[in-house]
Amino acid sequence: MKVLAILVSLVLPGAGSLIMGQVRVGIAQIVLFAVAVFVSFPLFLAIIGVPVMLVVWIWGLLTVISTPR
């Protein structure tokens, strides 16, 4: 189950956390990632959006990896 959560988290940050049972954290990660993607569309705001996307992606992976199941 953990391997599946890691693989899903690689594609969509937060989804792996949802699979592992951390609903609030998973929803927060998905929302933050979606906001970062939305902010990145105007090219001049990509300076903000892209780093936020990377941070949320790494946070999602670390959350899944550190969940003890």
C-alpha atoms as a PDB file:
ATOM      1  CA  MET A   1       0.000   0.000   0.000  1.00  0.00           C
ATOM      2  CA  LYS A   2       2.846   2.363   0.817  1.00  0.00           C
ATOM      3  CA  VAL A   3       4.506   1.800  -2.561  1.00  0.00           C
ATOM      4  CA  LEU A   4       1.238   2.652  -4.309  1.00  0.00           C
ATOM      5  CA  ALA A   5       0.903   5.805  -2.202  1.00  0.00           C
ATOM      6  CA  ILE A   6       4.437   6.890  -3.116  1.00  0.00           C
ATOM      7  CA  LEU A   7       3.809   6.306  -6.815  1.00  0.00           C
ATOM      8  CA  VAL A   8       0.530   8.218  -6.719  1.00  0.00           C
ATOM      9  CA  SER A   9       2.182  11.016  -4.755  1.00  0.00           C
ATOM     10  CA  LEU A  10       4.776  11.372  -7.508  1.00  0.00           C
ATOM     11  CA  VAL A  11       1.974  12.252  -9.926  1.00  0.00           C
ATOM     12  CA  LEU A  12      -0.319  14.266  -7.644  1.00  0.00           C
ATOM     13  CA  PRO A  13       1.029  15.611  -4.363  1.00  0.00           C
ATOM     14  CA  GLY A  14      -1.459  14.945  -1.592  1.00  0.00           C
ATOM     15  CA  ALA A  15      -3.112  11.918  -3.143  1.00  0.00           C
ATOM     16  CA  GLY A  16      -0.582   9.607  -1.512  1.00  0.00           C
ATOM     17  CA  SER A  17      -1.310  11.181   1.849  1.00  0.00           C
ATOM     18  CA  LEU A  18      -5.014  10.529   1.291  1.00  0.00           C
ATOM     19  CA  ILE A  19      -4.276   6.885   0.515  1.00  0.00           C
ATOM     20  CA  MET A  20      -2.254   6.608   3.725  1.00  0.00           C
ATOM     21  CA  GLY A  21      -5.165   8.004   5.746  1.00  0.00           C
ATOM     22  CA  GLN A  22      -3.917  11.532   6.387  1.00  0.00           C
ATOM     23  CA  VAL A  23      -6.959  13.300   4.989  1.00  0.00           C
ATOM     24  CA  ARG A  24      -6.375  16.857   6.239  1.00  0.00           C
ATOM     25  CA  VAL A  25      -2.742  16.891   5.176  1.00  0.00           C
ATOM     26  CA  GLY A  26      -3.600  15.375   1.795  1.00  0.00           C
ATOM     27  CA  ILE A  27      -6.321  17.916   1.078  1.00  0.00           C
ATOM     28  CA  ALA A  28      -4.022  20.770   2.132  1.00  0.00           C
ATOM     29  CA  GLN A  29      -1.298  19.496  -0.209  1.00  0.00           C
ATOM     30  CA  ILE A  30      -3.690  19.129  -3.145  1.00  0.00           C
ATOM     31  CA  VAL A  31      -5.130  22.605  -2.608  1.00  0.00           C
ATOM     32  CA  LEU A  32      -1.697  24.231  -2.271  1.00  0.00           C
ATOM     33  CA  PHE A  33      -0.444  22.430  -5.369  1.00  0.00           C
ATOM     34  CA  ALA A  34      -3.511  23.493  -7.367  1.00  0.00           C
ATOM     35  CA  VAL A  35      -3.100  27.113  -6.268  1.00  0.00           C
ATOM     36  CA  ALA A  36       0.589  27.022  -7.202  1.00  0.00           C
ATOM     37  CA  VAL A  37      -0.247  25.622 -10.654  1.00  0.00           C
ATOM     38  CA  PHE A  38      -2.912  28.295 -11.131  1.00  0.00           C
ATOM     39  CA  VAL A  39      -0.521  31.056 -10.042  1.00  0.00           C
ATOM     40  CA  SER A  40       2.179  29.773 -12.405  1.00  0.00           C
ATOM     41  CA  PHE A  41       0.153  30.346 -15.570  1.00  0.00           C
ATOM     42  CA  PRO A  42       0.889  34.067 -15.813  1.00  0.00           C
ATOM     43  CA  LEU A  43       4.551  33.809 -16.730  1.00  0.00           C
ATOM     44  CA  PHE A  44       5.679  36.594 -14.418  1.00  0.00           C
ATOM     45  CA  LEU A  45       4.161  34.769 -11.419  1.00  0.00           C
ATOM     46  CA  ALA A  46       5.922  31.488 -12.230  1.00  0.00           C
ATOM     47  CA  ILE A  47       8.740  32.733 -10.000  1.00  0.00           C
ATOM     48  CA  ILE A  48       6.382  32.175  -7.068  1.00  0.00           C
ATOM     49  CA  GLY A  49       4.319  29.228  -8.311  1.00  0.00           C
ATOM     50  CA  VAL A  50       7.060  26.844  -9.424  1.00  0.00           C
ATOM     51  CA  PRO A  51       9.001  26.884  -6.126  1.00  0.00           C
ATOM     52  CA  VAL A  52       5.751  26.413  -4.197  1.00  0.00           C
ATOM     53  CA  MET A  53       4.878  23.434  -6.429  1.00  0.00           C
ATOM     54  CA  LEU A  54       8.282  21.877  -5.748  1.00  0.00           C
ATOM     55  CA  VAL A  55       7.992  22.409  -1.992  1.00  0.00           C
ATOM     56  CA  VAL A  56       4.479  20.893  -1.893  1.00  0.00           C
ATOM     57  CA  TRP A  57       5.625  17.950  -4.048  1.00  0.00           C
ATOM     58  CA  ILE A  58       8.546  17.237  -1.707  1.00  0.00           C
ATOM     59  CA  TRP A  59       6.297  17.704   1.341  1.00  0.00           C
ATOM     60  CA  GLY A  60       3.842  15.189  -0.127  1.00  0.00           C
ATOM     61  CA  LEU A  61       6.549  12.610  -0.717  1.00  0.00           C
ATOM     62  CA  LEU A  62       8.045  13.055   2.738  1.00  0.00           C
ATOM     63  CA  THR A  63       4.621  12.755   4.335  1.00  0.00           C
ATOM     64  CA  VAL A  64       3.952   9.434   2.616  1.00  0.00           C
ATOM     65  CA  ILE A  65       7.424   8.069   3.307  1.00  0.00           C
ATOM     66  CA  SER A  66       7.297   9.004   7.000  1.00  0.00           C
ATOM     67  CA  THR A  67       3.808   7.565   7.614  1.00  0.00           C
ATOM     68  CA  PRO A  68       4.291   4.370   9.654  1.00  0.00           C
ATOM     69  CA  ARG A  69       2.074   1.923   7.764  1.00  0.00           C
END
